[in-house]
C-alpha cells in the first residue's frame, strides 16, 4: 500500500453523503460494489453530486489515496490548448459544480490542502493518456461531451485498487453530430459485464427544484428539439 500523507481533519459540520431518492441509493451501491460505474441522468438528478460525495468519503476514510477529476472541454470548436492559462485555469470554469461539492464535504481549507498535497488532482482529459491512477477515485464528468475514444482512454487509466465513475446527460451533448454517442455506446456494450455497473437516474431524482422535472418532461414529451 502506498504511504499516505496525513490528511486534514474535516470540520464536524461538513456535509454527509445521504441519497435523496431510491435511484441515488442504487447509484451509490453500484459505485461501492463495482470497479467502473457509468451513470446517465438529467440535470439536477445528482449524478455528479453523489459520486463526488462518495469520492470525498473514500478519501477521508483512506479507502483511496487520491481523487482524480476530469471532464471534456468544448470551447467554440477548439481544443484545450486554445484556452488561456495553465491546466487549472483552463479547467476551473468547467469544474465549479464539482469544486463546490468538494467544499461542502471537505471544507474550503481542507479542499485546498488536499489539492496542494496531491490528494485531489484536476487532470485535463486530453493529458491523461499514458498515465495510470492507482488507489484513486476517478471521475469523468459530463461524459456526453466525450468521444468514444476519450471514454475508452479514461477507462483504461484505472489502476490497482481504484474506481472509475463516468457520468453525463445523454440529452445534452455539445459534440458535433458525427462525434456523438460514445457514452451511450459504452453503456450499451458494458451492461452486465462483471465489475462494471450501468445505472440511470431520471426526472424523479431531480432534487434542485420541483419545476425542473416538469419543464424537462414537457420539453421532451414530443421528442428532442431539432
Protein backbone atom coordinates (compact mmCIF):
# COMPACT_ATOMS: atom_id res chain seq x y z
CA UNK A 1 0.00 0.00 0.00
CA UNK A 2 1.28 3.47 -0.86
CA UNK A 3 2.45 5.57 2.09
CA UNK A 4 -0.25 8.08 2.82
CA UNK A 5 0.33 11.66 3.83
CA UNK A 6 -1.68 12.87 6.81
CA UNK A 7 -4.94 14.40 5.69
CA UNK A 8 -6.60 17.41 7.29
CA UNK A 9 -9.34 16.65 9.80
CA UNK A 10 -12.64 17.79 8.29
CA UNK A 11 -14.97 20.12 10.13
CA UNK A 12 -17.66 18.26 12.04
CA UNK A 13 -20.31 20.31 10.27
CA UNK A 14 -19.27 19.02 6.87
CA UNK A 15 -21.87 17.58 4.54
CA UNK A 16 -22.62 13.87 4.84
CA UNK A 17 -23.44 11.73 1.82
CA UNK A 18 -27.12 10.79 2.00
CA UNK A 19 -29.12 9.59 -1.01
CA UNK A 20 -32.28 11.59 -1.56
CA UNK A 21 -34.01 9.05 -3.80
CA UNK A 22 -34.08 5.30 -4.28
CA UNK A 23 -32.23 5.60 -7.58
CA UNK A 24 -29.47 7.61 -5.91
CA UNK A 25 -29.15 4.86 -3.28
CA UNK A 26 -28.79 2.32 -6.10
CA UNK A 27 -26.17 4.57 -7.72
CA UNK A 28 -24.12 4.63 -4.51
CA UNK A 29 -24.43 0.86 -4.18
CA UNK A 30 -23.26 0.39 -7.78
CA UNK A 31 -20.18 2.55 -7.19
CA UNK A 32 -19.30 0.74 -3.98
CA UNK A 33 -19.68 -2.72 -5.49
CA UNK A 34 -18.15 -2.08 -8.94
CA UNK A 35 -14.78 -1.07 -10.35
CA UNK A 36 -16.35 1.07 -13.08
CA UNK A 37 -19.74 2.81 -12.94
CA UNK A 38 -21.44 4.61 -15.82
CA UNK A 39 -24.39 6.78 -14.85
CA UNK A 40 -26.74 8.71 -17.10
CA UNK A 41 -29.26 11.23 -15.85
CA UNK A 42 -30.78 14.67 -16.40
CA UNK A 43 -29.52 17.92 -14.93
CA UNK A 44 -30.15 18.14 -11.19
CA UNK A 45 -30.62 14.40 -10.63
CA UNK A 46 -27.46 14.11 -8.52
CA UNK A 47 -25.25 12.13 -10.87
CA UNK A 48 -22.27 14.43 -10.19
CA UNK A 49 -23.06 15.42 -6.60
CA UNK A 50 -23.48 11.83 -5.42
CA UNK A 51 -20.27 10.48 -6.96
CA UNK A 52 -18.27 13.47 -5.67
CA UNK A 53 -19.70 12.89 -2.22
CA UNK A 54 -18.72 9.23 -2.27
CA UNK A 55 -15.25 10.11 -3.56
CA UNK A 56 -14.74 12.52 -0.67
CA UNK A 57 -15.93 9.88 1.82
CA UNK A 58 -13.50 7.36 0.35
CA UNK A 59 -10.63 9.84 0.58
CA UNK A 60 -11.38 10.86 4.16
CA UNK A 61 -11.71 7.21 5.19
CA UNK A 62 -8.44 6.43 3.36
CA UNK A 63 -10.07 3.87 1.11
CA UNK A 64 -8.29 5.67 -1.74
CA UNK A 65 -5.25 7.92 -1.78
CA UNK A 66 -6.41 10.35 -4.44
CA UNK A 67 -9.44 11.80 -6.20
CA UNK A 68 -8.88 12.43 -9.90
CA UNK A 69 -11.39 14.69 -11.64
CA UNK A 70 -11.65 15.39 -15.34
CA UNK A 71 -14.16 16.38 -17.96
CA UNK A 72 -14.12 17.13 -21.68
CA UNK A 73 -13.66 20.76 -22.63
CA UNK A 74 -15.55 22.13 -25.60
CA UNK A 75 -14.89 25.79 -26.34
CA UNK A 76 -16.03 27.26 -29.66
CA UNK A 77 -14.89 24.16 -31.50
CA UNK A 78 -11.34 24.46 -30.21
CA UNK A 79 -9.30 22.14 -28.01
CA UNK A 80 -7.99 22.79 -24.52
CA UNK A 81 -4.83 24.48 -25.83
CA UNK A 82 -6.95 27.28 -27.23
CA UNK A 83 -7.86 28.47 -23.74
CA UNK A 84 -5.52 30.84 -21.82
CA UNK A 85 -3.64 29.93 -18.64
CA UNK A 86 -2.34 26.71 -17.09
CA UNK A 87 -4.23 23.47 -16.61
CA UNK A 88 -6.12 24.63 -13.53
CA UNK A 89 -7.12 27.94 -15.10
CA UNK A 90 -8.28 26.24 -18.28
CA UNK A 91 -10.48 23.77 -16.43
CA UNK A 92 -11.60 25.86 -13.46
CA UNK A 93 -14.73 27.38 -15.09
CA UNK A 94 -15.90 23.90 -16.11
CA UNK A 95 -15.35 22.32 -12.69
CA UNK A 96 -17.13 24.84 -10.48
CA UNK A 97 -20.00 22.44 -9.61
CA UNK A 98 -17.54 19.70 -8.56
CA UNK A 99 -15.34 22.07 -6.56
CA UNK A 100 -18.37 23.47 -4.75
CA UNK A 101 -19.47 19.95 -3.79
CA UNK A 102 -15.98 19.17 -2.52
CA UNK A 103 -16.02 22.35 -0.44
CA UNK A 104 -19.23 21.10 1.20
CA UNK A 105 -17.69 17.73 2.11
CA UNK A 106 -14.13 18.81 2.87
CA UNK A 107 -14.35 22.50 3.71
CA UNK A 108 -12.57 25.14 1.65
CA UNK A 109 -9.35 24.86 3.61
CA UNK A 110 -9.49 21.06 3.54
CA UNK A 111 -10.03 21.04 -0.22
CA UNK A 112 -7.14 23.46 -0.74
CA UNK A 113 -4.80 21.43 1.47
CA UNK A 114 -5.72 18.13 -0.21
CA UNK A 115 -5.27 19.65 -3.66
CA UNK A 116 -1.89 21.14 -2.77
CA UNK A 117 -0.71 17.82 -1.30
CA UNK A 118 -1.74 15.92 -4.44
CA UNK A 119 -4.63 14.01 -2.88
CA UNK A 120 -7.00 15.79 -5.25
CA UNK A 121 -5.90 16.15 -8.86
CA UNK A 122 -7.66 18.02 -11.61
CA UNK A 123 -6.40 16.39 -14.76
CA UNK A 124 -7.36 17.57 -18.25
CA UNK A 125 -8.84 14.67 -20.18
CA UNK A 126 -6.55 15.48 -23.10
CA UNK A 127 -3.48 14.87 -20.89
CA UNK A 128 -4.48 11.59 -19.21
CA UNK A 129 -3.10 9.39 -21.97
CA UNK A 130 -0.17 7.26 -20.82
CA UNK A 131 -0.91 7.65 -17.11
CA UNK A 132 -2.16 5.10 -14.58
CA UNK A 133 -4.06 6.06 -11.44
CA UNK A 134 -3.63 3.61 -8.55
CA UNK A 135 -5.60 3.80 -5.28
CA UNK A 136 -7.70 6.54 -6.86
CA UNK A 137 -11.32 7.51 -7.22
CA UNK A 138 -11.56 8.72 -10.81
CA UNK A 139 -14.44 10.86 -12.06
CA UNK A 140 -15.20 11.71 -15.68
CA UNK A 141 -17.94 14.34 -15.53
CA UNK A 142 -20.15 15.48 -18.42
CA UNK A 143 -19.15 12.40 -20.40
CA UNK A 144 -21.86 13.04 -23.00
CA UNK A 145 -19.35 15.54 -24.40
CA UNK A 146 -16.56 12.95 -24.62
CA UNK A 147 -15.94 10.87 -27.72
CA UNK A 148 -15.81 7.09 -27.61
CA UNK A 149 -12.01 7.20 -27.87
CA UNK A 150 -11.77 9.61 -24.93
CA UNK A 151 -14.03 7.46 -22.74
CA UNK A 152 -12.08 4.33 -23.66
CA UNK A 153 -8.83 6.11 -22.81
CA UNK A 154 -10.22 7.25 -19.46
CA UNK A 155 -11.39 3.74 -18.53
CA UNK A 156 -8.01 2.23 -19.37
CA UNK A 157 -6.26 4.65 -16.96
CA UNK A 158 -7.76 2.81 -13.97
CA UNK A 159 -5.08 1.28 -11.77
CA UNK A 160 -4.86 -1.03 -8.76
CA UNK A 161 -7.46 -0.56 -6.02
CA UNK A 162 -9.13 2.24 -7.97
CA UNK A 163 -12.66 3.13 -9.00
CA UNK A 164 -13.78 4.99 -12.10
CA UNK A 165 -17.10 6.79 -12.44
CA UNK A 166 -18.39 8.17 -15.74
CA UNK A 167 -21.49 10.32 -15.73
CA UNK A 168 -23.41 12.53 -18.09
CA UNK A 169 -26.73 13.58 -19.58
CA UNK A 170 -27.26 11.86 -22.91
CA UNK A 171 -29.81 14.51 -23.92
CA UNK A 172 -27.41 17.44 -23.58
CA UNK A 173 -24.36 16.71 -25.72
CA UNK A 174 -22.47 19.62 -27.29
CA UNK A 175 -20.43 17.43 -29.62
CA UNK A 176 -20.75 17.65 -33.40
CA UNK A 177 -23.25 15.07 -34.66
CA UNK A 178 -20.58 12.78 -36.14
CA UNK A 179 -18.74 12.55 -32.78
CA UNK A 180 -21.74 11.85 -30.54
CA UNK A 181 -22.86 8.62 -28.93
CA UNK A 182 -19.67 7.45 -27.21
CA UNK A 183 -21.16 7.34 -23.73
CA UNK A 184 -24.38 5.67 -24.87
CA UNK A 185 -22.38 3.08 -26.83
CA UNK A 186 -20.31 2.26 -23.74
CA UNK A 187 -23.44 1.96 -21.60
CA UNK A 188 -24.96 -0.49 -24.08
CA UNK A 189 -21.84 -2.59 -24.61
CA UNK A 190 -20.68 -2.77 -20.98
CA UNK A 191 -24.01 -3.55 -19.36
CA UNK A 192 -23.99 -6.87 -17.45
CA UNK A 193 -20.18 -7.05 -17.55
CA UNK A 194 -18.82 -8.25 -14.23
CA UNK A 195 -17.16 -5.38 -12.36
CA UNK A 196 -18.99 -2.71 -14.36
CA UNK A 197 -22.27 -1.08 -13.31
CA UNK A 198 -24.54 0.85 -15.66
CA UNK A 199 -27.23 2.90 -13.97
CA UNK A 200 -29.65 5.65 -14.88
CA UNK A 201 -31.23 8.46 -12.92
CA UNK A 202 -34.39 10.11 -14.21
CA UNK A 203 -36.57 13.18 -13.76
CA UNK A 204 -37.94 11.80 -10.49
CA UNK A 205 -34.44 12.11 -8.99
CA UNK A 206 -34.14 15.85 -9.62
CA UNK A 207 -33.67 17.48 -6.25
CA UNK A 208 -32.98 21.12 -7.15
CA UNK A 209 -36.48 22.48 -7.71
CA UNK A 210 -39.75 20.73 -8.50
CA UNK A 211 -40.25 22.82 -11.61
CA UNK A 212 -37.14 21.39 -13.33
CA UNK A 213 -38.58 17.89 -13.75
CA UNK A 214 -41.83 19.39 -15.06
CA UNK A 215 -40.01 21.58 -17.56
CA UNK A 216 -37.86 18.69 -18.83
CA UNK A 217 -40.86 16.39 -19.14
CA UNK A 218 -42.70 18.97 -21.23
CA UNK A 219 -39.68 19.79 -23.41
CA UNK A 220 -39.02 16.15 -24.27
CA UNK A 221 -42.56 14.78 -24.43
CA UNK A 222 -42.74 15.33 -28.19
CA UNK A 223 -39.18 14.20 -28.85
CA UNK A 224 -35.87 16.00 -28.93
CA UNK A 225 -35.75 19.55 -30.26
CA UNK A 226 -34.35 19.64 -33.81
